[in-house]
């Protein structure tokens, strides 16, 4: 089986502590079989974020990352238009009334029924308000801690597979130039990546970091880099290596004026990588994530990324 097939078959969900423990143990064994040094970080924070580190990020010239945790299932997709901030914000605003509708309906029902059962209208209204308030937090909690999305092939099994493909492809003599980190708890607010950044200031401020999140669905492979990152000598080598690849459409974007919320945000020289489809007016978009329809990861995307990024490391 391919790497992506193995991940989907053996570790389809990585959300509970037990599921994450099993995946990390397997991944560390796999990495060591490939000839790498690998270890997990001590759990940090209230949600016990445990990252997996391969190689030495402090001495490496570039660090490649992805988050390995998987999300709760949602009734509507997390629709991202990274190059169209207006559409992205409008969609997020439209989600608010949709998410607030169940709490509002429940509060209205309580406010309607209780007076007819003999409760004073003022007391019923107060209780209805309390029910609505609590229900809002229940909905928000379900977004992070609700039932696991059993289909998460793109978000972010694809990113983990891309990291592993690259680890496997990179020649032994070139491996000291690169390090790899699988972050925990991105779905709870990028907790694993922010914890690692806080504990490793040099990596946070000085290391080129390339983060792959949702790279499996879409023939357009988008990179997002800020101004400081684009000025690095290594950036030209990255561009050349990716432009030399075939089979997918490589697109480099300025991070200024774009949005892609993922783990690279904690790092001064972080680059975001994702795969997108494209339509008129909206432009590039990533859909289906956080829903049962998240079932696609094209091997061609993984080959394109791992081939180009391995070539980039060799050029350093």
C-alpha atoms as a PDB file:
ATOM      1  CA  UNK A   1       0.000   0.000   0.000  1.00  0.00           C
ATOM      2  CA  UNK A   2       1.002   3.594  -0.523  1.00  0.00           C
ATOM      3  CA  UNK A   3       1.646   5.849   2.462  1.00  0.00           C
ATOM      4  CA  UNK A   4      -1.701   7.630   2.124  1.00  0.00           C
ATOM      5  CA  UNK A   5      -3.521   4.288   1.813  1.00  0.00           C
ATOM      6  CA  UNK A   6      -1.746   2.969   4.909  1.00  0.00           C
ATOM      7  CA  UNK A   7      -2.687   6.030   6.958  1.00  0.00           C
ATOM      8  CA  UNK A   8      -6.335   5.889   5.886  1.00  0.00           C
ATOM      9  CA  UNK A   9      -6.508   2.151   6.527  1.00  0.00           C
ATOM     10  CA  UNK A  10      -4.590   1.923   9.805  1.00  0.00           C
ATOM     11  CA  UNK A  11      -5.136   5.336  11.462  1.00  0.00           C
ATOM     12  CA  UNK A  12      -8.299   6.835   9.969  1.00  0.00           C
ATOM     13  CA  UNK A  13      -9.029   8.959  13.070  1.00  0.00           C
ATOM     14  CA  UNK A  14      -6.464  10.679  15.280  1.00  0.00           C
ATOM     15  CA  UNK A  15      -8.598  12.613  17.734  1.00  0.00           C
ATOM     16  CA  UNK A  16      -8.771  10.821  21.082  1.00  0.00           C
ATOM     17  CA  UNK A  17      -5.726  10.420  23.285  1.00  0.00           C
ATOM     18  CA  UNK A  18      -5.645   6.677  22.619  1.00  0.00           C
ATOM     19  CA  UNK A  19      -5.807   7.166  18.847  1.00  0.00           C
ATOM     20  CA  UNK A  20      -3.044   9.750  18.925  1.00  0.00           C
ATOM     21  CA  UNK A  21      -0.827   7.612  21.145  1.00  0.00           C
ATOM     22  CA  UNK A  22      -1.155   4.679  18.751  1.00  0.00           C
ATOM     23  CA  UNK A  23      -0.355   6.821  15.723  1.00  0.00           C
ATOM     24  CA  UNK A  24       2.685   8.487  17.299  1.00  0.00           C
ATOM     25  CA  UNK A  25       4.120   5.135  18.387  1.00  0.00           C
ATOM     26  CA  UNK A  26       3.704   3.731  14.884  1.00  0.00           C
ATOM     27  CA  UNK A  27       5.080   6.838  13.170  1.00  0.00           C
ATOM     28  CA  UNK A  28       8.178   6.991  15.361  1.00  0.00           C
ATOM     29  CA  UNK A  29       8.921   3.326  14.626  1.00  0.00           C
ATOM     30  CA  UNK A  30       8.422   3.982  10.904  1.00  0.00           C
ATOM     31  CA  UNK A  31      10.718   7.019  10.956  1.00  0.00           C
ATOM     32  CA  UNK A  32      13.457   5.078  12.717  1.00  0.00           C
ATOM     33  CA  UNK A  33      13.145   2.281  10.169  1.00  0.00           C
ATOM     34  CA  UNK A  34      13.791   4.919   7.493  1.00  0.00           C
ATOM     35  CA  UNK A  35      17.015   5.867   9.282  1.00  0.00           C
ATOM     36  CA  UNK A  36      15.850   9.005  11.079  1.00  0.00           C
ATOM     37  CA  UNK A  37      15.980   9.975  14.735  1.00  0.00           C
ATOM     38  CA  UNK A  38      12.475  10.644  16.048  1.00  0.00           C
ATOM     39  CA  UNK A  39      10.876  11.451  19.379  1.00  0.00           C
ATOM     40  CA  UNK A  40       7.707  12.928  20.776  1.00  0.00           C
ATOM     41  CA  UNK A  41       7.647  16.030  22.921  1.00  0.00           C
ATOM     42  CA  UNK A  42       6.339  15.964  26.475  1.00  0.00           C
ATOM     43  CA  UNK A  43       2.605  16.745  26.647  1.00  0.00           C
ATOM     44  CA  UNK A  44       1.940  20.462  27.179  1.00  0.00           C
ATOM     45  CA  UNK A  45      -1.108  22.493  28.108  1.00  0.00           C
ATOM     46  CA  UNK A  46      -4.591  21.626  29.222  1.00  0.00           C
ATOM     47  CA  UNK A  47      -5.132  19.503  26.098  1.00  0.00           C
ATOM     48  CA  UNK A  48      -1.753  17.730  26.461  1.00  0.00           C
ATOM     49  CA  UNK A  49      -0.373  18.551  23.026  1.00  0.00           C
ATOM     50  CA  UNK A  50       2.340  16.064  21.973  1.00  0.00           C
ATOM     51  CA  UNK A  51       4.291  16.845  18.821  1.00  0.00           C
ATOM     52  CA  UNK A  52       6.563  14.403  16.998  1.00  0.00           C
ATOM     53  CA  UNK A  53      10.000  15.715  15.990  1.00  0.00           C
ATOM     54  CA  UNK A  54      12.195  14.039  13.375  1.00  0.00           C
ATOM     55  CA  UNK A  55      15.789  15.193  13.068  1.00  0.00           C
ATOM     56  CA  UNK A  56      17.113  18.390  14.661  1.00  0.00           C
ATOM     57  CA  UNK A  57      15.112  21.554  13.843  1.00  0.00           C
ATOM     58  CA  UNK A  58      17.713  23.691  15.625  1.00  0.00           C
ATOM     59  CA  UNK A  59      20.496  22.733  13.197  1.00  0.00           C
ATOM     60  CA  UNK A  60      18.462  21.971  10.058  1.00  0.00           C
ATOM     61  CA  UNK A  61      18.309  24.509   7.218  1.00  0.00           C
ATOM     62  CA  UNK A  62      14.590  23.950   6.687  1.00  0.00           C
ATOM     63  CA  UNK A  63      11.774  22.391   8.735  1.00  0.00           C
ATOM     64  CA  UNK A  64       8.778  20.637   7.147  1.00  0.00           C
ATOM     65  CA  UNK A  65       5.578  20.322   9.168  1.00  0.00           C
ATOM     66  CA  UNK A  66       1.968  19.114   9.179  1.00  0.00           C
ATOM     67  CA  UNK A  67      -0.622  18.587  11.892  1.00  0.00           C
ATOM     68  CA  UNK A  68      -1.583  14.982  12.580  1.00  0.00           C
ATOM     69  CA  UNK A  69      -4.734  15.482  14.653  1.00  0.00           C
ATOM     70  CA  UNK A  70      -8.115  15.190  12.938  1.00  0.00           C
ATOM     71  CA  UNK A  71     -11.255  17.306  13.444  1.00  0.00           C
ATOM     72  CA  UNK A  72     -14.792  16.876  14.674  1.00  0.00           C
ATOM     73  CA  UNK A  73     -17.446  16.428  12.006  1.00  0.00           C
ATOM     74  CA  UNK A  74     -19.377  19.557  11.069  1.00  0.00           C
ATOM     75  CA  UNK A  75     -22.710  19.963   9.266  1.00  0.00           C
ATOM     76  CA  UNK A  76     -21.149  22.543   6.929  1.00  0.00           C
ATOM     77  CA  UNK A  77     -17.651  22.539   5.415  1.00  0.00           C
ATOM     78  CA  UNK A  78     -14.856  24.845   6.475  1.00  0.00           C
ATOM     79  CA  UNK A  79     -14.773  26.652   3.136  1.00  0.00           C
ATOM     80  CA  UNK A  80     -11.474  28.484   2.566  1.00  0.00           C
ATOM     81  CA  UNK A  81     -10.720  30.908  -0.271  1.00  0.00           C
ATOM     82  CA  UNK A  82      -7.121  31.837   0.581  1.00  0.00           C
ATOM     83  CA  UNK A  83      -6.663  34.425  -2.161  1.00  0.00           C
ATOM     84  CA  UNK A  84     -10.107  35.981  -1.796  1.00  0.00           C
ATOM     85  CA  UNK A  85     -10.283  37.355   1.722  1.00  0.00           C
ATOM     86  CA  UNK A  86     -13.670  39.007   1.181  1.00  0.00           C
ATOM     87  CA  UNK A  87     -15.390  35.747   0.257  1.00  0.00           C
ATOM     88  CA  UNK A  88     -13.616  33.976   3.117  1.00  0.00           C
ATOM     89  CA  UNK A  89     -14.865  36.544   5.645  1.00  0.00           C
ATOM     90  CA  UNK A  90     -18.394  36.556   4.211  1.00  0.00           C
ATOM     91  CA  UNK A  91     -18.583  32.781   4.504  1.00  0.00           C
ATOM     92  CA  UNK A  92     -17.395  32.894   8.118  1.00  0.00           C
ATOM     93  CA  UNK A  93     -20.037  35.550   8.864  1.00  0.00           C
ATOM     94  CA  UNK A  94     -22.741  33.418   7.250  1.00  0.00           C
ATOM     95  CA  UNK A  95     -21.756  30.512   9.486  1.00  0.00           C
ATOM     96  CA  UNK A  96     -22.532  32.521  12.620  1.00  0.00           C
ATOM     97  CA  UNK A  97     -26.336  32.654  12.222  1.00  0.00           C
ATOM     98  CA  UNK A  98     -26.382  29.037  11.078  1.00  0.00           C
ATOM     99  CA  UNK A  99     -24.531  27.935  14.217  1.00  0.00           C
ATOM    100  CA  UNK A 100     -26.654  30.177  16.450  1.00  0.00           C
ATOM    101  CA  UNK A 101     -29.955  28.943  15.017  1.00  0.00           C
ATOM    102  CA  UNK A 102     -30.248  25.793  17.198  1.00  0.00           C
ATOM    103  CA  UNK A 103     -29.536  27.659  20.492  1.00  0.00           C
ATOM    104  CA  UNK A 104     -31.961  30.418  19.484  1.00  0.00           C
ATOM    105  CA  UNK A 105     -34.673  27.926  18.575  1.00  0.00           C
ATOM    106  CA  UNK A 106     -34.216  26.055  21.860  1.00  0.00           C
ATOM    107  CA  UNK A 107     -34.352  29.275  23.882  1.00  0.00           C
ATOM    108  CA  UNK A 108     -37.503  30.358  22.044  1.00  0.00           C
ATOM    109  CA  UNK A 109     -39.117  26.998  22.698  1.00  0.00           C
ATOM    110  CA  UNK A 110     -38.346  27.216  26.419  1.00  0.00           C
ATOM    111  CA  UNK A 111     -39.665  30.781  26.543  1.00  0.00           C
ATOM    112  CA  UNK A 112     -42.869  29.703  24.814  1.00  0.00           C
ATOM    113  CA  UNK A 113     -43.608  26.489  26.723  1.00  0.00           C
ATOM    114  CA  UNK A 114     -42.806  27.385  30.333  1.00  0.00           C
ATOM    115  CA  UNK A 115     -45.374  30.209  30.769  1.00  0.00           C
ATOM    116  CA  UNK A 116     -48.024  27.831  29.488  1.00  0.00           C
ATOM    117  CA  UNK A 117     -46.990  25.372  32.168  1.00  0.00           C
ATOM    118  CA  UNK A 118     -47.557  27.963  34.871  1.00  0.00           C
ATOM    119  CA  UNK A 119     -44.171  29.679  35.229  1.00  0.00           C
ATOM    120  CA  UNK A 120     -44.083  33.445  35.571  1.00  0.00           C
ATOM    121  CA  UNK A 121     -43.257  35.076  32.207  1.00  0.00           C
ATOM    122  CA  UNK A 122     -40.262  36.966  33.606  1.00  0.00           C
ATOM    123  CA  UNK A 123     -38.807  33.821  35.163  1.00  0.00           C
ATOM    124  CA  UNK A 124     -39.452  31.874  31.956  1.00  0.00           C
ATOM    125  CA  UNK A 125     -37.702  34.556  29.903  1.00  0.00           C
ATOM    126  CA  UNK A 126     -34.688  34.474  32.224  1.00  0.00           C
ATOM    127  CA  UNK A 127     -34.468  30.699  32.045  1.00  0.00           C
ATOM    128  CA  UNK A 128     -34.848  30.793  28.256  1.00  0.00           C
ATOM    129  CA  UNK A 129     -31.947  33.239  28.067  1.00  0.00           C
ATOM    130  CA  UNK A 130     -29.806  30.986  30.237  1.00  0.00           C
ATOM    131  CA  UNK A 131     -30.643  27.952  28.093  1.00  0.00           C
ATOM    132  CA  UNK A 132     -29.728  29.871  24.955  1.00  0.00           C
ATOM    133  CA  UNK A 133     -26.451  31.074  26.486  1.00  0.00           C
ATOM    134  CA  UNK A 134     -25.430  27.568  27.546  1.00  0.00           C
ATOM    135  CA  UNK A 135     -26.483  26.124  24.193  1.00  0.00           C
ATOM    136  CA  UNK A 136     -24.164  28.513  22.336  1.00  0.00           C
ATOM    137  CA  UNK A 137     -21.191  27.144  24.260  1.00  0.00           C
ATOM    138  CA  UNK A 138     -22.382  23.601  23.660  1.00  0.00           C
ATOM    139  CA  UNK A 139     -22.353  24.277  19.912  1.00  0.00           C
ATOM    140  CA  UNK A 140     -18.882  25.826  20.117  1.00  0.00           C
ATOM    141  CA  UNK A 141     -17.682  22.864  22.152  1.00  0.00           C
ATOM    142  CA  UNK A 142     -19.005  20.427  19.564  1.00  0.00           C
ATOM    143  CA  UNK A 143     -16.966  22.197  16.900  1.00  0.00           C
ATOM    144  CA  UNK A 144     -13.763  21.175  18.702  1.00  0.00           C
ATOM    145  CA  UNK A 145     -14.722  18.222  20.885  1.00  0.00           C
ATOM    146  CA  UNK A 146     -17.717  16.735  19.096  1.00  0.00           C
ATOM    147  CA  UNK A 147     -17.933  13.384  17.288  1.00  0.00           C
ATOM    148  CA  UNK A 148     -14.861  12.669  15.181  1.00  0.00           C
ATOM    149  CA  UNK A 149     -14.999  13.213  11.456  1.00  0.00           C
ATOM    150  CA  UNK A 150     -14.320   9.727  10.164  1.00  0.00           C
ATOM    151  CA  UNK A 151     -13.351  11.106   6.753  1.00  0.00           C
ATOM    152  CA  UNK A 152     -10.337  13.404   7.011  1.00  0.00           C
ATOM    153  CA  UNK A 153      -8.243  12.327   4.055  1.00  0.00           C
ATOM    154  CA  UNK A 154      -7.428  15.880   2.979  1.00  0.00           C
ATOM    155  CA  UNK A 155      -7.498  17.491   6.461  1.00  0.00           C
ATOM    156  CA  UNK A 156      -4.881  16.583   7.367  1.00  0.00           C
ATOM    157  CA  UNK A 157      -3.957  13.020   6.524  1.00  0.00           C
ATOM    158  CA  UNK A 158      -2.708  14.426   3.220  1.00  0.00           C
ATOM    159  CA  UNK A 159      -0.218  16.698   4.992  1.00  0.00           C
ATOM    160  CA  UNK A 160       1.121  13.831   7.102  1.00  0.00           C
ATOM    161  CA  UNK A 161       1.461  11.685   3.971  1.00  0.00           C
ATOM    162  CA  UNK A 162       3.337  14.481   2.173  1.00  0.00           C
ATOM    163  CA  UNK A 163       5.820  14.752   5.053  1.00  0.00           C
ATOM    164  CA  UNK A 164       6.332  10.986   5.063  1.00  0.00           C
ATOM    165  CA  UNK A 165       6.720  10.810   1.269  1.00  0.00           C
ATOM    166  CA  UNK A 166       9.413  13.446   1.456  1.00  0.00           C
ATOM    167  CA  UNK A 167      11.199  11.732   4.336  1.00  0.00           C
ATOM    168  CA  UNK A 168      11.285   8.550   2.287  1.00  0.00           C
ATOM    169  CA  UNK A 169      12.433  10.295  -0.893  1.00  0.00           C
ATOM    170  CA  UNK A 170      15.217  12.428   0.610  1.00  0.00           C
ATOM    171  CA  UNK A 171      18.694  10.874   0.060  1.00  0.00           C
ATOM    172  CA  UNK A 172      20.506   9.803   3.215  1.00  0.00           C
ATOM    173  CA  UNK A 173      23.344  12.214   2.593  1.00  0.00           C
ATOM    174  CA  UNK A 174      20.954  15.170   2.465  1.00  0.00           C
ATOM    175  CA  UNK A 175      18.899  14.472   5.565  1.00  0.00           C
ATOM    176  CA  UNK A 176      20.830  16.622   8.026  1.00  0.00           C
ATOM    177  CA  UNK A 177      19.662  19.680   6.088  1.00  0.00           C
ATOM    178  CA  UNK A 178      16.012  19.010   6.953  1.00  0.00           C
ATOM    179  CA  UNK A 179      13.887  18.333  10.001  1.00  0.00           C
ATOM    180  CA  UNK A 180      10.241  17.354  10.270  1.00  0.00           C
ATOM    181  CA  UNK A 181       7.575  18.034  12.884  1.00  0.00           C
ATOM    182  CA  UNK A 182       4.062  16.612  13.151  1.00  0.00           C
ATOM    183  CA  UNK A 183       2.035  19.027  15.269  1.00  0.00           C
ATOM    184  CA  UNK A 184      -0.768  18.098  17.637  1.00  0.00           C
ATOM    185  CA  UNK A 185      -4.029  19.957  18.301  1.00  0.00           C
ATOM    186  CA  UNK A 186      -4.136  22.262  15.303  1.00  0.00           C
ATOM    187  CA  UNK A 187      -7.883  21.701  15.309  1.00  0.00           C
ATOM    188  CA  UNK A 188      -8.143  23.118  18.832  1.00  0.00           C
ATOM    189  CA  UNK A 189      -6.430  26.378  17.925  1.00  0.00           C
ATOM    190  CA  UNK A 190      -2.921  25.474  16.675  1.00  0.00           C
ATOM    191  CA  UNK A 191      -1.908  24.557  20.224  1.00  0.00           C
ATOM    192  CA  UNK A 192       0.868  22.115  19.371  1.00  0.00           C
ATOM    193  CA  UNK A 193       2.665  24.415  16.959  1.00  0.00           C
ATOM    194  CA  UNK A 194       2.393  27.440  19.233  1.00  0.00           C
ATOM    195  CA  UNK A 195       3.709  25.387  22.176  1.00  0.00           C
ATOM    196  CA  UNK A 196       6.716  24.246  20.132  1.00  0.00           C
ATOM    197  CA  UNK A 197       7.379  27.799  18.942  1.00  0.00           C
ATOM    198  CA  UNK A 198       7.252  29.063  22.512  1.00  0.00           C
ATOM    199  CA  UNK A 199       9.774  26.474  23.661  1.00  0.00           C
ATOM    200  CA  UNK A 200      12.143  26.865  20.665  1.00  0.00           C
ATOM    201  CA  UNK A 201      12.663  30.559  20.004  1.00  0.00           C
ATOM    202  CA  UNK A 202      15.406  30.056  17.412  1.00  0.00           C
ATOM    203  CA  UNK A 203      13.153  27.840  15.301  1.00  0.00           C
ATOM    204  CA  UNK A 204      10.308  30.303  15.695  1.00  0.00           C
ATOM    205  CA  UNK A 205      12.334  33.323  14.605  1.00  0.00           C
ATOM    206  CA  UNK A 206      15.076  32.027  12.317  1.00  0.00           C
ATOM    207  CA  UNK A 207      14.147  28.769  10.575  1.00  0.00           C
ATOM    208  CA  UNK A 208      12.454  28.455   7.224  1.00  0.00           C
ATOM    209  CA  UNK A 209       9.388  26.328   7.964  1.00  0.00           C
ATOM    210  CA  UNK A 210       7.115  24.838   5.295  1.00  0.00           C
ATOM    211  CA  UNK A 211       3.746  23.670   6.604  1.00  0.00           C
ATOM    212  CA  UNK A 212       1.489  21.330   4.604  1.00  0.00           C
ATOM    213  CA  UNK A 213      -2.206  21.378   5.470  1.00  0.00           C
ATOM    214  CA  UNK A 214      -4.913  20.050   3.121  1.00  0.00           C
ATOM    215  CA  UNK A 215      -2.604  19.291   0.189  1.00  0.00           C
ATOM    216  CA  UNK A 216      -4.505  16.339  -1.290  1.00  0.00           C
ATOM    217  CA  UNK A 217      -7.558  17.700  -3.116  1.00  0.00           C
ATOM    218  CA  UNK A 218      -7.042  20.064  -6.046  1.00  0.00           C
ATOM    219  CA  UNK A 219      -4.581  20.302  -8.904  1.00  0.00           C
ATOM    220  CA  UNK A 220      -3.383  23.780  -7.920  1.00  0.00           C
ATOM    221  CA  UNK A 221      -0.622  23.639  -5.282  1.00  0.00           C
ATOM    222  CA  UNK A 222      -0.470  26.987  -3.520  1.00  0.00           C
ATOM    223  CA  UNK A 223       2.441  28.320  -1.441  1.00  0.00           C
ATOM    224  CA  UNK A 224       2.037  31.423   0.737  1.00  0.00           C
ATOM    225  CA  UNK A 225       5.112  33.301   1.977  1.00  0.00           C
ATOM    226  CA  UNK A 226       5.493  36.638   3.751  1.00  0.00           C
ATOM    227  CA  UNK A 227       7.856  39.388   2.645  1.00  0.00           C
ATOM    228  CA  UNK A 228      10.685  38.434   5.008  1.00  0.00           C
ATOM    229  CA  UNK A 229      10.586  34.816   3.846  1.00  0.00           C
ATOM    230  CA  UNK A 230      10.596  35.801   0.177  1.00  0.00           C
ATOM    231  CA  UNK A 231      13.827  37.709   0.780  1.00  0.00           C
ATOM    232  CA  UNK A 232      15.712  34.621   1.978  1.00  0.00           C
ATOM    233  CA  UNK A 233      18.453  33.289  -0.347  1.00  0.00           C
ATOM    234  CA  UNK A 234      16.845  29.844  -0.092  1.00  0.00           C
ATOM    235  CA  UNK A 235      13.532  31.136  -1.418  1.00  0.00           C
ATOM    236  CA  UNK A 236      14.786  31.338  -5.002  1.00  0.00           C
ATOM    237  CA  UNK A 237      15.951  27.729  -4.752  1.00  0.00           C
ATOM    238  CA  UNK A 238      12.509  26.686  -3.498  1.00  0.00           C
ATOM    239  CA  UNK A 239      10.835  28.457  -6.413  1.00  0.00           C
ATOM    240  CA  UNK A 240      13.166  26.816  -8.931  1.00  0.00           C
ATOM    241  CA  UNK A 241      12.642  23.333  -7.492  1.00  0.00           C
ATOM    242  CA  UNK A 242       8.853  23.602  -7.495  1.00  0.00           C
ATOM    243  CA  UNK A 243       8.698  25.143 -10.964  1.00  0.00           C
ATOM    244  CA  UNK A 244      10.698  22.192 -12.293  1.00  0.00           C
ATOM    245  CA  UNK A 245       7.958  19.755 -11.258  1.00  0.00           C
ATOM    246  CA  UNK A 246       5.253  18.537 -13.625  1.00  0.00           C
ATOM    247  CA  UNK A 247       1.716  17.253 -13.253  1.00  0.00           C
ATOM    248  CA  UNK A 248       0.307  20.011 -11.055  1.00  0.00           C
ATOM    249  CA  UNK A 249      -0.050  23.783 -11.218  1.00  0.00           C
ATOM    250  CA  UNK A 250       2.423  25.461  -8.844  1.00  0.00           C
ATOM    251  CA  UNK A 251       1.291  28.879  -7.555  1.00  0.00           C
ATOM    252  CA  UNK A 252       3.397  31.071  -5.266  1.00  0.00           C
ATOM    253  CA  UNK A 253       1.448  33.793  -3.442  1.00  0.00           C
ATOM    254  CA  UNK A 254       2.379  36.680  -1.219  1.00  0.00           C
ATOM    255  CA  UNK A 255       0.910  36.128   2.230  1.00  0.00           C
ATOM    256  CA  UNK A 256       0.021  39.807   2.340  1.00  0.00           C
ATOM    257  CA  UNK A 257      -3.600  40.086   1.235  1.00  0.00           C
ATOM    258  CA  UNK A 258      -4.206  36.331   1.579  1.00  0.00           C
ATOM    259  CA  UNK A 259      -5.395  34.117   4.414  1.00  0.00           C
ATOM    260  CA  UNK A 260      -4.563  30.529   5.318  1.00  0.00           C
ATOM    261  CA  UNK A 261      -5.069  29.720   9.017  1.00  0.00           C
ATOM    262  CA  UNK A 262      -2.692  26.912   9.923  1.00  0.00           C
ATOM    263  CA  UNK A 263       0.407  26.059  11.961  1.00  0.00           C
ATOM    264  CA  UNK A 264       2.886  28.184  10.002  1.00  0.00           C
ATOM    265  CA  UNK A 265       1.307  31.257  11.638  1.00  0.00           C
ATOM    266  CA  UNK A 266       3.435  30.764  14.773  1.00  0.00           C
ATOM    267  CA  UNK A 267       6.719  31.086  12.855  1.00  0.00           C
ATOM    268  CA  UNK A 268       8.360  34.216  11.467  1.00  0.00           C
ATOM    269  CA  UNK A 269       9.599  32.425   8.329  1.00  0.00           C
ATOM    270  CA  UNK A 270       6.626  30.104   7.881  1.00  0.00           C
ATOM    271  CA  UNK A 271       5.267  29.117   4.462  1.00  0.00           C
ATOM    272  CA  UNK A 272       1.759  27.668   4.107  1.00  0.00           C
ATOM    273  CA  UNK A 273       1.090  24.998   1.474  1.00  0.00           C
ATOM    274  CA  UNK A 274      -2.342  23.781   0.394  1.00  0.00           C
ATOM    275  CA  UNK A 275      -4.098  22.297  -2.632  1.00  0.00           C
ATOM    276  CA  UNK A 276      -7.036  24.110  -4.188  1.00  0.00           C
ATOM    277  CA  UNK A 277      -9.583  23.827  -6.934  1.00  0.00           C
ATOM    278  CA  UNK A 278     -10.538  26.966  -8.845  1.00  0.00           C
ATOM    279  CA  UNK A 279     -13.690  28.626 -10.095  1.00  0.00           C
ATOM    280  CA  UNK A 280     -14.546  31.958 -11.688  1.00  0.00           C
ATOM    281  CA  UNK A 281     -15.152  34.941  -9.392  1.00  0.00           C
ATOM    282  CA  UNK A 282     -14.220  33.056  -6.199  1.00  0.00           C
ATOM    283  CA  UNK A 283     -10.836  31.901  -7.465  1.00  0.00           C
ATOM    284  CA  UNK A 284      -8.896  29.231  -5.570  1.00  0.00           C
ATOM    285  CA  UNK A 285     -10.844  27.362  -2.907  1.00  0.00           C
ATOM    286  CA  UNK A 286     -10.575  24.435  -0.500  1.00  0.00           C
ATOM    287  CA  UNK A 287     -13.846  22.750   0.445  1.00  0.00           C
ATOM    288  CA  UNK A 288     -15.298  19.550   1.972  1.00  0.00           C
ATOM    289  CA  UNK A 289     -12.999  19.668   4.994  1.00  0.00           C
ATOM    290  CA  UNK A 290     -14.600  18.948   8.380  1.00  0.00           C
ATOM    291  CA  UNK A 291     -17.359  16.984   6.612  1.00  0.00           C
ATOM    292  CA  UNK A 292     -18.007  13.379   5.592  1.00  0.00           C
ATOM    293  CA  UNK A 293     -17.079  14.278   2.020  1.00  0.00           C
ATOM    294  CA  UNK A 294     -13.399  14.764   2.893  1.00  0.00           C
ATOM    295  CA  UNK A 295     -12.267  11.604   1.092  1.00  0.00           C
ATOM    296  CA  UNK A 296      -9.782  12.784  -1.558  1.00  0.00           C
ATOM    297  CA  UNK A 297      -5.998  12.806  -1.619  1.00  0.00           C
ATOM    298  CA  UNK A 298      -4.426  12.560  -5.055  1.00  0.00           C
ATOM    299  CA  UNK A 299      -1.121  10.687  -5.164  1.00  0.00           C
ATOM    300  CA  UNK A 300      -0.061  13.094  -7.911  1.00  0.00           C
ATOM    301  CA  UNK A 301      -0.190  15.923  -5.371  1.00  0.00           C
ATOM    302  CA  UNK A 302       2.043  14.018  -2.963  1.00  0.00           C
ATOM    303  CA  UNK A 303       4.511  13.162  -5.730  1.00  0.00           C
ATOM    304  CA  UNK A 304       4.610  16.777  -6.913  1.00  0.00           C
ATOM    305  CA  UNK A 305       5.278  18.119  -3.424  1.00  0.00           C
ATOM    306  CA  UNK A 306       7.710  15.489  -2.198  1.00  0.00           C
ATOM    307  CA  UNK A 307       9.674  15.562  -5.446  1.00  0.00           C
ATOM    308  CA  UNK A 308       9.960  19.337  -5.517  1.00  0.00           C
ATOM    309  CA  UNK A 309      10.730  19.748  -1.815  1.00  0.00           C
ATOM    310  CA  UNK A 310      13.340  16.970  -1.864  1.00  0.00           C
ATOM    311  CA  UNK A 311      14.988  18.663  -4.853  1.00  0.00           C
ATOM    312  CA  UNK A 312      14.931  21.935  -2.936  1.00  0.00           C
ATOM    313  CA  UNK A 313      16.691  20.397   0.076  1.00  0.00           C
ATOM    314  CA  UNK A 314      19.354  18.880  -2.146  1.00  0.00           C
ATOM    315  CA  UNK A 315      20.002  22.313  -3.676  1.00  0.00           C
ATOM    316  CA  UNK A 316      20.747  23.940  -0.306  1.00  0.00           C
END
